[in-house]
Amino acid sequence: MVTAATAIGQNQAPAVNLKQLKARQQDAWSSGDYAVIGTTLQIVGEQLCEALDLRAGQRVLDVAAGNGNATLAAARRWCEVVSTDYVPTLLEGGRRRAAAEGLSVTFQEADAEALPFGTASFDVVLSSFGVMFTPDQDAAAAELVRVVRGGGKIGLANWTPQGFIGQLFKTLANYLPPPAGTKSPALWGTRARLGEMFASAAATITAEPRHFVFRYRSAEHFLDVFKTYYGPMRKAFAALDASGQQALGRDLLALMAGMNRAGDGSLVLPSEYLEVVIAKR
């Protein structure tokens, strides 16, 4: 999460320095320990692999893989998997998880906007709550299309703007607006934006709304875990003074209170995402 740049003139928005934005994002994702949260999302990777109807022996690339949820799901289905991310500590976590299960996976540091693989190198390319955070969305989408073969598939799990995580992003942006001209990651969770990025290369695009359910001891427990381990939220709170931190905390707790269906003091909170399967021409 970064502050907005100063406007140039009265009506002209400043040009977005995507390289600087990417560096800040990488720093944010490298802070904390995303794996603490990421491992709770494992079911999404499993369901995405089922939606893709993976077959043993297929060559699969996981882009912005984090600590490897979709990576492991594909490897459990006897695919030949390459797992990539631009945060080395997350890749190391995925490597340890694969070793613990005896799964054969290749881990490689890589930028989703400039993948170090040849054209048509993979049967399937997937990303679970990962590639959606790239600063240059069109470049990342073009890379997904480039490295998958004709007739292959791209599988994505993307948070929607109207779901809980989409609303959480919006709440954070109220306190620390992103630079003018940047696109929200949650746009990847809309059919319109997916069409803009992929329709020209796609035979079909299927996007089904799904829900991941966050389950924590309480809303306060969720907030404590995310403030401690979720890099973007850590950075957001660190950038605010004490009164700002208190206000942001109250707003996040209010957001959860309005969406929590537990009724017993714990947190059971569904968050909508789009499960996307793109068949390449």
Protein backbone atom coordinates (compact mmCIF):
# COMPACT_ATOMS: atom_id res chain seq x y z
CA MET A 1 0.00 0.00 0.00
CA VAL A 2 1.52 3.32 -1.05
CA THR A 3 0.47 6.94 -0.77
CA ALA A 4 -0.83 8.89 -3.73
CA ALA A 5 1.67 10.96 -5.66
CA THR A 6 1.25 14.75 -5.83
CA ALA A 7 -0.90 15.78 -8.78
CA ILE A 8 0.78 17.62 -11.65
CA GLY A 9 -1.24 20.74 -12.29
CA GLN A 10 -4.93 20.83 -11.41
CA ASN A 11 -6.36 18.20 -13.75
CA GLN A 12 -3.43 16.15 -15.01
CA ALA A 13 -2.67 12.93 -13.11
CA PRO A 14 1.00 12.04 -12.69
CA ALA A 15 2.48 9.25 -14.75
CA VAL A 16 2.64 6.03 -12.77
CA ASN A 17 6.15 4.73 -12.17
CA LEU A 18 5.37 1.03 -12.34
CA LYS A 19 8.95 0.05 -11.54
CA GLN A 20 8.90 1.96 -8.27
CA LEU A 21 5.42 0.67 -7.45
CA LYS A 22 6.53 -2.90 -8.05
CA ALA A 23 9.53 -2.42 -5.76
CA ARG A 24 7.26 -1.11 -2.99
CA GLN A 25 4.85 -3.99 -3.47
CA GLN A 26 7.68 -6.51 -3.37
CA ASP A 27 8.89 -4.95 -0.13
CA ALA A 28 5.38 -5.17 1.33
CA TRP A 29 4.91 -8.83 0.37
CA SER A 30 8.36 -9.64 1.73
CA SER A 31 7.50 -8.23 5.15
CA GLY A 32 5.59 -10.22 7.72
CA ASP A 33 5.03 -13.89 6.91
CA TYR A 34 2.33 -14.34 4.29
CA ALA A 35 2.60 -18.13 4.58
CA VAL A 36 0.76 -17.98 7.92
CA ILE A 37 -2.27 -16.68 6.03
CA GLY A 38 -1.59 -18.32 2.69
CA THR A 39 -1.75 -21.87 4.03
CA THR A 40 -5.34 -21.27 5.18
CA LEU A 41 -6.32 -20.73 1.51
CA GLN A 42 -5.23 -24.20 0.36
CA ILE A 43 -8.75 -25.31 -0.56
CA VAL A 44 -8.87 -22.64 -3.29
CA GLY A 45 -5.84 -24.13 -5.03
CA GLU A 46 -7.38 -27.60 -4.90
CA GLN A 47 -10.68 -26.38 -6.33
CA LEU A 48 -8.94 -24.41 -9.07
CA CYS A 49 -7.02 -27.50 -10.18
CA GLU A 50 -10.28 -29.43 -10.34
CA ALA A 51 -11.91 -26.66 -12.39
CA LEU A 52 -8.98 -26.91 -14.81
CA ASP A 53 -9.44 -30.69 -15.03
CA LEU A 54 -5.69 -31.25 -14.70
CA ARG A 55 -4.20 -34.45 -16.08
CA ALA A 56 -1.15 -36.34 -14.88
CA GLY A 57 1.96 -35.41 -16.84
CA GLN A 58 0.80 -31.95 -17.89
CA ARG A 59 3.39 -29.18 -17.64
CA VAL A 60 1.99 -26.55 -15.24
CA LEU A 61 3.26 -23.09 -14.29
CA ASP A 62 2.11 -21.42 -11.07
CA VAL A 63 2.61 -17.64 -11.36
CA ALA A 64 2.94 -15.45 -8.24
CA ALA A 65 2.61 -18.71 -6.36
CA GLY A 66 3.25 -17.38 -2.87
CA ASN A 67 3.95 -20.31 -0.57
CA GLY A 68 2.57 -22.78 -3.10
CA ASN A 69 -1.09 -23.62 -2.56
CA ALA A 70 -1.95 -24.15 -6.24
CA THR A 71 1.56 -25.50 -6.84
CA LEU A 72 1.07 -28.31 -4.35
CA ALA A 73 -2.45 -29.02 -5.59
CA ALA A 74 -1.15 -29.50 -9.14
CA ALA A 75 1.80 -31.60 -7.98
CA ARG A 76 -0.56 -33.88 -6.04
CA ARG A 77 -2.21 -34.57 -9.39
CA TRP A 78 1.12 -35.81 -10.84
CA CYS A 79 1.69 -32.74 -12.99
CA GLU A 80 5.15 -31.40 -13.83
CA VAL A 81 5.00 -28.12 -11.92
CA VAL A 82 7.14 -24.99 -12.00
CA SER A 83 6.36 -22.62 -9.11
CA THR A 84 7.34 -18.95 -9.42
CA ASP A 85 7.22 -15.80 -7.32
CA TYR A 86 9.28 -12.64 -6.93
CA VAL A 87 9.59 -13.08 -3.15
CA PRO A 88 12.34 -15.65 -2.43
CA THR A 89 11.18 -16.35 1.14
CA LEU A 90 7.75 -17.40 -0.11
CA LEU A 91 9.30 -19.76 -2.65
CA GLU A 92 11.41 -21.27 0.12
CA GLY A 93 8.26 -21.91 2.13
CA GLY A 94 6.70 -23.67 -0.85
CA ARG A 95 9.88 -25.70 -1.30
CA ARG A 96 9.71 -26.89 2.32
CA ARG A 97 6.03 -27.82 1.95
CA ALA A 98 6.71 -29.82 -1.22
CA ALA A 99 9.63 -31.63 0.43
CA ALA A 100 7.48 -32.51 3.45
CA GLU A 101 4.96 -34.18 1.14
CA GLY A 102 7.56 -35.78 -1.11
CA LEU A 103 6.34 -33.82 -4.14
CA SER A 104 8.59 -33.04 -7.09
CA VAL A 105 8.36 -29.32 -7.95
CA THR A 106 10.73 -26.86 -9.60
CA PHE A 107 10.87 -23.52 -7.77
CA GLN A 108 12.14 -20.44 -9.60
CA GLU A 109 12.20 -16.74 -8.79
CA ALA A 110 10.39 -14.84 -11.56
CA ASP A 111 8.55 -11.62 -12.33
CA ALA A 112 4.97 -12.24 -13.50
CA GLU A 113 5.30 -9.37 -15.96
CA ALA A 114 8.39 -10.85 -17.63
CA LEU A 115 8.32 -14.62 -17.25
CA PRO A 116 11.66 -16.33 -18.05
CA PHE A 117 10.10 -19.09 -20.16
CA GLY A 118 9.70 -19.68 -23.85
CA THR A 119 6.48 -19.14 -25.77
CA ALA A 120 3.99 -22.04 -25.48
CA SER A 121 6.10 -23.77 -22.80
CA PHE A 122 3.21 -24.98 -20.62
CA ASP A 123 -0.04 -26.87 -20.94
CA VAL A 124 -1.60 -24.96 -18.04
CA VAL A 125 -0.76 -21.66 -16.34
CA LEU A 126 -2.46 -20.81 -13.09
CA SER A 127 -2.43 -18.28 -10.27
CA SER A 128 -4.34 -18.20 -7.00
CA PHE A 129 -4.69 -14.68 -5.54
CA GLY A 130 -1.29 -13.84 -6.99
CA VAL A 131 -0.97 -12.38 -10.48
CA MET A 132 -3.90 -10.05 -9.74
CA PHE A 133 -1.55 -7.89 -7.67
CA THR A 134 0.87 -7.05 -10.50
CA PRO A 135 1.21 -3.30 -11.16
CA ASP A 136 1.14 -3.70 -14.97
CA GLN A 137 -1.94 -5.84 -15.40
CA ASP A 138 -1.87 -5.95 -19.19
CA ALA A 139 1.77 -7.03 -19.29
CA ALA A 140 1.11 -9.82 -16.79
CA ALA A 141 -1.95 -11.04 -18.69
CA ALA A 142 0.02 -11.03 -21.95
CA GLU A 143 2.73 -13.14 -20.31
CA LEU A 144 0.20 -15.73 -19.11
CA VAL A 145 -1.13 -15.99 -22.65
CA ARG A 146 2.34 -16.15 -24.18
CA VAL A 147 3.74 -19.03 -22.13
CA VAL A 148 0.71 -21.34 -22.45
CA ARG A 149 0.37 -23.42 -25.62
CA GLY A 150 -2.48 -23.15 -28.07
CA GLY A 151 -5.37 -25.23 -26.75
CA GLY A 152 -3.97 -24.95 -23.22
CA LYS A 153 -5.65 -23.33 -20.23
CA ILE A 154 -5.15 -20.42 -17.85
CA GLY A 155 -6.69 -20.81 -14.40
CA LEU A 156 -7.14 -17.93 -11.94
CA ALA A 157 -8.63 -17.31 -8.53
CA ASN A 158 -9.20 -13.56 -8.11
CA TRP A 159 -10.90 -11.64 -5.31
CA THR A 160 -13.92 -9.60 -6.49
CA PRO A 161 -14.45 -5.90 -5.75
CA GLN A 162 -17.71 -6.54 -3.90
CA GLY A 163 -16.43 -9.41 -1.76
CA PHE A 164 -14.87 -9.07 1.68
CA ILE A 165 -11.25 -8.84 0.55
CA GLY A 166 -12.21 -6.40 -2.20
CA GLN A 167 -13.91 -4.25 0.44
CA LEU A 168 -10.89 -4.63 2.73
CA PHE A 169 -8.68 -3.23 -0.06
CA LYS A 170 -11.12 -0.34 -0.48
CA THR A 171 -11.00 0.40 3.25
CA LEU A 172 -7.20 0.45 3.24
CA ALA A 173 -7.24 2.78 0.21
CA ASN A 174 -9.38 5.25 2.14
CA TYR A 175 -6.40 5.77 4.42
CA LEU A 176 -3.54 5.28 1.97
CA PRO A 177 -4.75 5.93 -1.58
CA PRO A 178 -2.74 4.24 -4.33
CA PRO A 179 -1.06 6.40 -6.97
CA ALA A 180 -3.44 8.04 -9.43
CA GLY A 181 -3.75 6.05 -12.62
CA THR A 182 -3.15 2.62 -11.12
CA LYS A 183 -5.71 -0.13 -11.56
CA SER A 184 -7.20 -1.94 -8.58
CA PRO A 185 -6.15 -5.61 -8.21
CA ALA A 186 -9.83 -6.41 -7.66
CA LEU A 187 -10.53 -5.63 -11.33
CA TRP A 188 -9.14 -9.11 -12.04
CA GLY A 189 -12.25 -10.30 -10.24
CA THR A 190 -14.59 -8.78 -12.84
CA ARG A 191 -15.69 -10.36 -16.09
CA ALA A 192 -15.33 -7.06 -17.92
CA ARG A 193 -11.64 -6.68 -17.10
CA LEU A 194 -10.93 -10.34 -17.83
CA GLY A 195 -12.50 -9.83 -21.24
CA GLU A 196 -10.29 -6.80 -21.90
CA MET A 197 -7.14 -8.72 -21.04
CA PHE A 198 -7.86 -12.18 -22.47
CA ALA A 199 -10.71 -12.19 -25.00
CA SER A 200 -8.46 -11.70 -28.03
CA ALA A 201 -6.53 -14.90 -27.24
CA ALA A 202 -9.32 -16.99 -25.73
CA ALA A 203 -11.56 -19.61 -27.25
CA THR A 204 -13.66 -19.47 -24.08
CA ILE A 205 -13.59 -17.65 -20.74
CA THR A 206 -15.50 -19.17 -17.82
CA ALA A 207 -15.70 -17.12 -14.62
CA GLU A 208 -17.72 -18.56 -11.74
CA PRO A 209 -18.27 -16.79 -8.41
CA ARG A 210 -17.03 -18.82 -5.45
CA HIS A 211 -16.57 -18.10 -1.76
CA PHE A 212 -13.63 -18.73 0.49
CA VAL A 213 -14.65 -18.68 4.16
CA PHE A 214 -12.25 -17.05 6.59
CA ARG A 215 -12.47 -18.80 9.96
CA TYR A 216 -10.78 -17.15 12.93
CA ARG A 217 -11.30 -17.04 16.69
CA SER A 218 -12.85 -13.58 16.38
CA ALA A 219 -12.74 -10.47 14.23
CA GLU A 220 -10.07 -9.13 16.57
CA HIS A 221 -8.04 -12.31 16.04
CA PHE A 222 -8.28 -11.89 12.24
CA LEU A 223 -7.12 -8.29 12.53
CA ASP A 224 -4.21 -9.22 14.79
CA VAL A 225 -3.05 -11.99 12.45
CA PHE A 226 -3.27 -9.80 9.35
CA LYS A 227 -1.56 -6.83 11.03
CA THR A 228 1.26 -9.15 12.06
CA TYR A 229 1.74 -11.37 9.01
CA TYR A 230 0.02 -9.83 5.94
CA GLY A 231 2.63 -7.54 4.42
CA PRO A 232 0.34 -4.95 2.75
CA MET A 233 -1.66 -4.49 5.95
CA ARG A 234 1.51 -4.31 8.05
CA LYS A 235 2.76 -1.52 5.81
CA ALA A 236 -0.59 0.30 5.92
CA PHE A 237 -0.71 0.39 9.72
CA ALA A 238 2.99 1.30 9.95
CA ALA A 239 2.42 4.34 7.71
CA LEU A 240 -0.28 5.79 9.98
CA ASP A 241 0.02 7.62 13.28
CA ALA A 242 -1.66 6.24 16.40
CA SER A 243 -5.03 7.89 15.74
CA GLY A 244 -5.00 6.73 12.14
CA GLN A 245 -4.21 3.18 13.19
CA GLN A 246 -7.10 3.21 15.65
CA ALA A 247 -9.50 4.56 13.03
CA LEU A 248 -8.42 1.99 10.44
CA GLY A 249 -8.77 -0.79 12.99
CA ARG A 250 -12.30 0.34 13.85
CA ASP A 251 -13.30 0.47 10.18
CA LEU A 252 -11.94 -3.01 9.51
CA LEU A 253 -13.72 -4.45 12.54
CA ALA A 254 -16.95 -2.75 11.42
CA LEU A 255 -16.54 -4.25 7.94
CA MET A 256 -16.15 -7.72 9.44
CA ALA A 257 -19.08 -7.23 11.80
CA GLY A 258 -21.36 -6.57 8.85
CA MET A 259 -20.29 -9.74 6.99
CA ASN A 260 -19.60 -12.22 9.80
CA ARG A 261 -22.15 -15.06 9.86
CA ALA A 262 -20.82 -16.88 12.93
CA GLY A 263 -23.17 -15.55 15.61
CA ASP A 264 -21.12 -17.07 18.43
CA GLY A 265 -18.28 -14.58 18.84
CA SER A 266 -15.97 -16.31 16.37
CA LEU A 267 -15.40 -15.21 12.78
CA VAL A 268 -16.95 -17.12 9.88
CA LEU A 269 -16.76 -14.74 6.97
CA PRO A 270 -17.31 -15.67 3.30
CA SER A 271 -15.26 -13.71 0.77
CA GLU A 272 -16.26 -13.86 -2.88
CA TYR A 273 -13.75 -14.60 -5.61
CA LEU A 274 -13.95 -15.53 -9.28
CA GLU A 275 -12.76 -18.96 -10.33
CA VAL A 276 -11.59 -18.39 -13.90
CA VAL A 277 -10.77 -20.91 -16.62
CA ILE A 278 -9.56 -19.51 -19.94
CA ALA A 279 -9.09 -21.88 -22.87
CA LYS A 280 -6.52 -20.46 -25.29
CA ARG A 281 -7.14 -20.63 -29.00
